[in-house]
Amino acid sequence: MGDLDETVFVNYENNQEVQKQEVPDELYVDLGKQYYDRFKTNPLPELKPIVEQLKTELGDNKCQACGNKYEIGDKFCKGCGNPLEGGSFHQTKEAMWINQKSTQVISGAKNMFQEIIPILKNPVTKTTKIAETKSVAIGMEFVIAKMVLAILVTLIVVLKVDDFAGWFVELPYLKIFFAVIVFSLGVDAFWAWFCNMVSRAFNVHTTYSEMITWVGTKALYDSIGMIFVALGVLISVKAALFIMACMMIVVPFVEFACFRSIVKCTEDKKLYIFMVAKIIFFIIILIIFALISAGAKEYMMSQFNVWDLLNSYY
């Protein structure tokens, strides 16, 4: 009986070894592949050396922020400086958010620059096609680009004025740049919304995405006008004024032509919608500008002391 028990026990062990040997190696390989694909950015500490070696062999040893390759043992990416924990990518939520937004900005800028030439060649046709996509992206990108350009031009002007008059007048930099943002980005966004509301008041269905695309085309021409005016200043003031006058003639024609292509109604109604919106909007902006100018005048008078000016000369 004892021999029989020993025989059963030995047979049991041999059976277990046979079962172990019958497990296909492909299962282990598949398990390893699945683990690598899922946990290669955050492997177990004891498996990090193997994972890093696999990354190097497969060409996956790249920084997730910039795509630059790193070597095993590197603590920081040589391309962007992001920390690499044990050769693997490690990034805070704030850094990931910044990288994501910067990628979106770069992508948006590329799309915007790709649309500039087609819009300038066929402003009405291209604006209509973009408006049909129901996306605000391209229009807003041109509006924001116009705001950035306006801020840069204002910065140059403010620095020149500060060199000339900064010794007796303290310029309110924050208020000036806030006003530039309001009268560029704010006005363009409000103009798109206002035209959409006026169109609906005339029982014409439009969308804000269509209107912001149309306003974006106008912003593109405004930006080009600002660039040419700035270049004209380098020649002479008369040249700059001449360019400004030309742009004031050209831009309204382009604006109304694109408006006609987007708004779907009779030609007579298009004219009245555009005219009513322009007149009311002009009055609103005039009132806002008058209020801001009154505040600016009071500030300048409070800063300007004629006796200090005279004392500086005598």
Protein backbone atom coordinates (compact mmCIF):
# COMPACT_ATOMS: atom_id res chain seq x y z
CA MET A 1 0.00 0.00 0.00
CA GLY A 2 2.90 2.27 0.81
CA ASP A 3 4.46 1.58 -2.63
CA LEU A 4 1.17 2.39 -4.26
CA ASP A 5 0.93 5.76 -2.46
CA GLU A 6 4.49 6.64 -3.48
CA THR A 7 3.73 5.67 -7.09
CA VAL A 8 0.61 7.87 -7.14
CA PHE A 9 2.56 10.79 -5.66
CA VAL A 10 5.37 10.45 -8.21
CA ASN A 11 2.89 10.16 -11.06
CA TYR A 12 1.12 13.25 -9.81
CA GLU A 13 4.36 15.26 -9.83
CA ASN A 14 5.27 13.99 -13.29
CA ASN A 15 1.79 14.91 -14.55
CA GLN A 16 2.19 18.46 -13.18
CA GLU A 17 5.57 18.82 -14.93
CA VAL A 18 4.04 17.57 -18.20
CA GLN A 19 1.22 20.11 -17.89
CA LYS A 20 3.73 22.90 -17.27
CA GLN A 21 5.74 21.90 -20.30
CA GLU A 22 2.64 21.85 -22.48
CA VAL A 23 1.93 25.63 -21.95
CA PRO A 24 2.82 27.31 -25.28
CA ASP A 25 5.57 29.90 -25.22
CA GLU A 26 3.36 32.14 -27.38
CA LEU A 27 1.17 32.82 -24.34
CA TYR A 28 4.10 34.16 -22.37
CA VAL A 29 5.20 36.25 -25.36
CA ASP A 30 1.68 37.61 -25.79
CA LEU A 31 1.49 38.40 -22.07
CA GLY A 32 4.79 40.27 -22.29
CA LYS A 33 3.66 42.27 -25.31
CA GLN A 34 0.39 43.26 -23.67
CA TYR A 35 2.18 44.27 -20.47
CA TYR A 36 4.72 46.33 -22.44
CA ASP A 37 2.06 48.12 -24.50
CA ARG A 38 0.00 48.97 -21.45
CA PHE A 39 2.61 49.71 -18.78
CA LYS A 40 5.71 50.79 -20.72
CA THR A 41 5.37 54.37 -19.40
CA ASN A 42 5.01 53.18 -15.78
CA PRO A 43 6.39 49.63 -15.34
CA LEU A 44 7.04 47.83 -12.09
CA PRO A 45 10.39 48.87 -10.52
CA GLU A 46 11.89 45.40 -10.93
CA LEU A 47 10.89 45.33 -14.63
CA LYS A 48 12.13 48.85 -15.51
CA PRO A 49 15.56 47.73 -16.85
CA ILE A 50 13.94 45.21 -19.21
CA VAL A 51 11.29 47.69 -20.34
CA GLU A 52 13.88 50.41 -20.98
CA GLN A 53 16.00 47.99 -22.97
CA LEU A 54 12.95 47.06 -25.05
CA LYS A 55 12.20 50.75 -25.63
CA THR A 56 15.70 51.28 -26.94
CA GLU A 57 15.49 48.23 -29.21
CA LEU A 58 12.06 49.23 -30.55
CA GLY A 59 12.83 52.95 -30.83
CA ASP A 60 10.20 53.88 -28.21
CA ASN A 61 12.66 55.72 -25.98
CA LYS A 62 11.12 59.10 -26.80
CA CYS A 63 10.07 61.98 -24.57
CA GLN A 64 6.28 62.18 -24.55
CA ALA A 65 6.44 65.98 -24.43
CA CYS A 66 8.63 66.73 -27.45
CA GLY A 67 9.37 63.35 -29.08
CA ASN A 68 13.13 63.64 -28.62
CA LYS A 69 14.95 60.33 -28.03
CA TYR A 70 16.68 59.74 -24.71
CA GLU A 71 19.22 57.19 -23.51
CA ILE A 72 18.85 54.70 -20.67
CA GLY A 73 19.73 56.44 -17.41
CA ASP A 74 18.88 59.98 -18.57
CA LYS A 75 17.09 61.95 -15.89
CA PHE A 76 16.00 64.85 -18.08
CA CYS A 77 15.05 65.17 -21.75
CA LYS A 78 17.82 66.85 -23.75
CA GLY A 79 15.24 68.32 -26.13
CA CYS A 80 12.79 70.09 -23.80
CA GLY A 81 14.22 69.57 -20.31
CA ASN A 82 11.25 67.61 -18.95
CA PRO A 83 12.13 65.21 -16.12
CA LEU A 84 12.52 61.53 -17.03
CA GLU A 85 12.07 59.22 -14.07
CA GLY A 86 14.31 56.21 -14.54
CA GLY A 87 14.44 56.86 -18.27
CA SER A 88 10.64 57.00 -18.52
CA PHE A 89 8.51 60.08 -18.90
CA HIS A 90 7.26 61.78 -15.75
CA GLN A 91 5.25 64.98 -15.97
CA THR A 92 2.95 66.96 -13.70
CA LYS A 93 -0.66 67.66 -14.62
CA GLU A 94 0.17 71.35 -15.06
CA ALA A 95 3.02 70.56 -17.46
CA MET A 96 0.81 68.15 -19.40
CA TRP A 97 -1.90 70.85 -19.66
CA ILE A 98 0.66 73.41 -20.89
CA ASN A 99 2.07 70.98 -23.47
CA GLN A 100 -1.42 70.07 -24.66
CA LYS A 101 -2.46 73.71 -25.05
CA SER A 102 0.83 74.66 -26.74
CA THR A 103 0.33 71.81 -29.21
CA GLN A 104 -3.19 73.04 -29.94
CA VAL A 105 -1.92 76.60 -30.44
CA ILE A 106 0.82 75.46 -32.82
CA SER A 107 -1.63 73.30 -34.76
CA GLY A 108 -4.13 76.16 -34.94
CA ALA A 109 -1.43 78.57 -36.12
CA LYS A 110 -0.41 76.16 -38.89
CA ASN A 111 -4.03 75.83 -40.03
CA MET A 112 -4.46 79.59 -39.96
CA PHE A 113 -1.37 80.29 -42.06
CA GLN A 114 -2.45 77.62 -44.54
CA GLU A 115 -5.75 79.46 -45.06
CA ILE A 116 -4.30 82.97 -45.56
CA ILE A 117 -3.35 82.70 -49.24
CA PRO A 118 -6.57 80.87 -50.30
CA ILE A 119 -8.70 83.51 -48.56
CA LEU A 120 -6.77 86.39 -50.11
CA LYS A 121 -7.10 84.80 -53.57
CA ASN A 122 -10.81 83.91 -53.23
CA PRO A 123 -12.17 85.72 -50.19
CA VAL A 124 -15.87 85.15 -50.86
CA THR A 125 -15.65 81.54 -52.04
CA LYS A 126 -13.22 80.44 -49.32
CA THR A 127 -15.10 82.22 -46.54
CA THR A 128 -18.32 80.54 -47.62
CA LYS A 129 -16.69 77.09 -47.62
CA ILE A 130 -15.21 77.63 -44.16
CA ALA A 131 -18.56 78.91 -42.85
CA GLU A 132 -20.29 75.77 -44.13
CA THR A 133 -18.13 73.64 -41.82
CA LYS A 134 -19.90 75.27 -38.81
CA SER A 135 -16.56 75.66 -37.05
CA VAL A 136 -15.42 78.82 -35.26
CA ALA A 137 -11.74 77.77 -35.24
CA ILE A 138 -10.40 79.55 -38.35
CA GLY A 139 -12.39 82.72 -37.74
CA MET A 140 -11.33 83.00 -34.11
CA GLU A 141 -7.71 82.34 -35.03
CA PHE A 142 -7.72 85.32 -37.41
CA VAL A 143 -9.45 87.48 -34.79
CA ILE A 144 -6.90 86.51 -32.13
CA ALA A 145 -4.01 87.07 -34.58
CA LYS A 146 -5.35 90.57 -35.24
CA MET A 147 -5.47 91.22 -31.48
CA VAL A 148 -1.87 90.04 -31.02
CA LEU A 149 -0.72 92.24 -33.89
CA ALA A 150 -2.60 95.22 -32.42
CA ILE A 151 -0.93 94.63 -29.05
CA LEU A 152 2.52 94.54 -30.67
CA VAL A 153 1.88 97.77 -32.60
CA THR A 154 0.52 99.42 -29.45
CA LEU A 155 3.56 98.28 -27.48
CA ILE A 156 5.91 99.90 -29.99
CA VAL A 157 3.89 103.15 -29.95
CA VAL A 158 3.70 103.20 -26.14
CA LEU A 159 7.45 102.69 -25.80
CA LYS A 160 8.09 105.56 -28.23
CA VAL A 161 5.70 107.84 -26.34
CA ASP A 162 7.23 106.82 -23.04
CA ASP A 163 10.71 107.76 -24.29
CA PHE A 164 9.40 111.15 -25.39
CA ALA A 165 6.97 112.08 -22.61
CA GLY A 166 7.54 109.52 -19.87
CA TRP A 167 9.51 112.01 -17.80
CA PHE A 168 6.37 114.05 -16.96
CA VAL A 169 3.46 111.64 -17.72
CA GLU A 170 3.12 108.13 -16.29
CA LEU A 171 1.39 105.97 -18.89
CA PRO A 172 -1.24 103.44 -17.64
CA TYR A 173 0.14 100.41 -19.44
CA LEU A 174 -2.41 97.89 -18.16
CA LYS A 175 -5.36 100.12 -19.07
CA ILE A 176 -3.94 100.79 -22.52
CA PHE A 177 -3.45 97.11 -23.34
CA PHE A 178 -6.84 96.24 -21.85
CA ALA A 179 -8.41 98.82 -24.16
CA VAL A 180 -6.56 97.32 -27.14
CA ILE A 181 -7.90 93.86 -26.29
CA VAL A 182 -11.43 95.21 -25.88
CA PHE A 183 -11.34 97.16 -29.16
CA SER A 184 -9.88 94.22 -31.13
CA LEU A 185 -10.88 90.82 -29.80
CA GLY A 186 -13.88 92.08 -27.84
CA VAL A 187 -15.31 94.22 -30.62
CA ASP A 188 -14.86 91.54 -33.30
CA ALA A 189 -16.48 88.83 -31.16
CA PHE A 190 -19.34 91.17 -30.24
CA TRP A 191 -19.77 92.26 -33.89
CA ALA A 192 -20.22 88.62 -34.95
CA TRP A 193 -22.79 88.02 -32.20
CA PHE A 194 -24.59 91.31 -32.91
CA CYS A 195 -24.91 90.60 -36.64
CA ASN A 196 -26.24 87.15 -35.83
CA MET A 197 -28.92 88.70 -33.59
CA VAL A 198 -29.85 91.35 -36.18
CA SER A 199 -30.16 88.67 -38.88
CA ARG A 200 -32.49 86.67 -36.66
CA ALA A 201 -34.51 89.83 -36.00
CA PHE A 202 -35.10 89.96 -39.76
CA ASN A 203 -36.24 86.29 -39.65
CA VAL A 204 -33.04 85.11 -41.34
CA HIS A 205 -31.43 82.02 -39.81
CA THR A 206 -27.70 82.38 -39.24
CA THR A 207 -25.26 80.87 -36.75
CA TYR A 208 -22.52 82.41 -34.66
CA SER A 209 -19.96 80.11 -36.30
CA GLU A 210 -20.87 81.55 -39.73
CA MET A 211 -20.64 85.11 -38.43
CA ILE A 212 -17.29 84.61 -36.68
CA THR A 213 -15.87 83.07 -39.87
CA TRP A 214 -17.01 86.16 -41.78
CA VAL A 215 -15.58 88.49 -39.12
CA GLY A 216 -12.35 86.46 -39.20
CA THR A 217 -11.94 87.23 -42.91
CA LYS A 218 -12.35 90.92 -42.15
CA ALA A 219 -9.83 90.57 -39.31
CA LEU A 220 -7.33 89.08 -41.78
CA TYR A 221 -7.64 92.12 -44.05
CA ASP A 222 -7.45 94.44 -41.03
CA SER A 223 -4.22 92.73 -39.95
CA ILE A 224 -2.71 93.08 -43.42
CA GLY A 225 -3.72 96.74 -43.38
CA MET A 226 -1.99 97.29 -40.02
CA ILE A 227 1.19 95.68 -41.33
CA PHE A 228 1.24 97.87 -44.45
CA VAL A 229 0.47 101.00 -42.43
CA ALA A 230 3.34 100.18 -40.06
CA LEU A 231 5.65 99.73 -43.04
CA GLY A 232 4.35 102.98 -44.51
CA VAL A 233 5.30 104.85 -41.34
CA LEU A 234 8.91 103.86 -41.99
CA ILE A 235 8.68 105.72 -45.31
CA SER A 236 6.63 108.74 -44.29
CA VAL A 237 3.48 109.71 -42.45
CA LYS A 238 1.79 110.58 -45.75
CA ALA A 239 2.50 107.11 -47.11
CA ALA A 240 0.98 105.56 -43.99
CA LEU A 241 -2.13 107.74 -44.26
CA PHE A 242 -2.52 106.85 -47.94
CA ILE A 243 -2.33 103.12 -47.19
CA MET A 244 -4.80 103.53 -44.35
CA ALA A 245 -7.25 105.33 -46.64
CA CYS A 246 -6.95 102.55 -49.24
CA MET A 247 -7.62 99.86 -46.66
CA MET A 248 -10.64 101.77 -45.36
CA ILE A 249 -12.05 101.54 -48.89
CA VAL A 250 -11.11 97.93 -49.63
CA VAL A 251 -12.08 96.23 -46.35
CA PRO A 252 -15.80 97.27 -46.34
CA PHE A 253 -16.21 95.92 -49.89
CA VAL A 254 -14.71 92.56 -48.89
CA GLU A 255 -16.75 92.53 -45.68
CA PHE A 256 -20.09 93.09 -47.41
CA ALA A 257 -19.30 90.67 -50.26
CA CYS A 258 -18.54 87.86 -47.77
CA PHE A 259 -21.63 88.78 -45.74
CA ARG A 260 -23.81 88.42 -48.84
CA SER A 261 -22.41 84.95 -49.54
CA ILE A 262 -23.09 83.66 -46.01
CA VAL A 263 -26.53 85.11 -45.25
CA LYS A 264 -29.28 83.22 -47.08
CA CYS A 265 -32.09 85.62 -47.97
CA THR A 266 -33.03 88.13 -50.66
CA GLU A 267 -30.44 90.66 -51.78
CA ASP A 268 -32.56 93.56 -50.52
CA LYS A 269 -32.85 92.04 -47.07
CA LYS A 270 -29.08 91.38 -46.95
CA LEU A 271 -28.46 95.07 -47.60
CA TYR A 272 -30.82 96.22 -44.85
CA ILE A 273 -29.51 93.69 -42.33
CA PHE A 274 -25.94 94.82 -42.93
CA MET A 275 -26.85 98.52 -42.92
CA VAL A 276 -28.95 98.40 -39.75
CA ALA A 277 -26.32 96.32 -37.94
CA LYS A 278 -23.55 98.72 -38.98
CA ILE A 279 -25.40 101.86 -37.87
CA ILE A 280 -26.49 100.53 -34.47
CA PHE A 281 -23.11 98.93 -33.83
CA PHE A 282 -21.32 102.15 -34.74
CA ILE A 283 -23.44 104.09 -32.24
CA ILE A 284 -22.70 101.55 -29.49
CA ILE A 285 -18.96 101.63 -30.13
CA LEU A 286 -19.02 105.44 -30.31
CA ILE A 287 -20.66 105.63 -26.87
CA ILE A 288 -18.16 103.17 -25.38
CA PHE A 289 -15.25 105.05 -26.95
CA ALA A 290 -16.57 108.36 -25.60
CA LEU A 291 -16.78 106.96 -22.07
CA ILE A 292 -13.27 105.51 -22.25
CA SER A 293 -11.89 108.73 -23.75
CA ALA A 294 -13.45 110.81 -20.95
CA GLY A 295 -11.80 108.61 -18.35
CA ALA A 296 -8.48 108.75 -20.18
CA LYS A 297 -8.67 112.56 -20.41
CA GLU A 298 -9.24 112.88 -16.67
CA TYR A 299 -6.33 110.57 -15.99
CA MET A 300 -3.99 112.52 -18.27
CA MET A 301 -5.01 115.83 -16.69
CA SER A 302 -4.37 114.41 -13.24
CA GLN A 303 -0.92 113.26 -14.37
CA PHE A 304 0.03 116.41 -16.24
CA ASN A 305 1.14 119.29 -14.02
CA VAL A 306 2.07 122.39 -15.99
CA TRP A 307 4.03 123.82 -13.06
CA ASP A 308 6.23 120.74 -12.89
CA LEU A 309 6.80 121.07 -16.63
CA LEU A 310 7.82 124.72 -16.30
CA ASN A 311 10.06 124.00 -13.33
CA SER A 312 11.87 121.36 -15.37
CA TYR A 313 12.86 124.05 -17.88
CA TYR A 314 13.83 126.75 -15.36
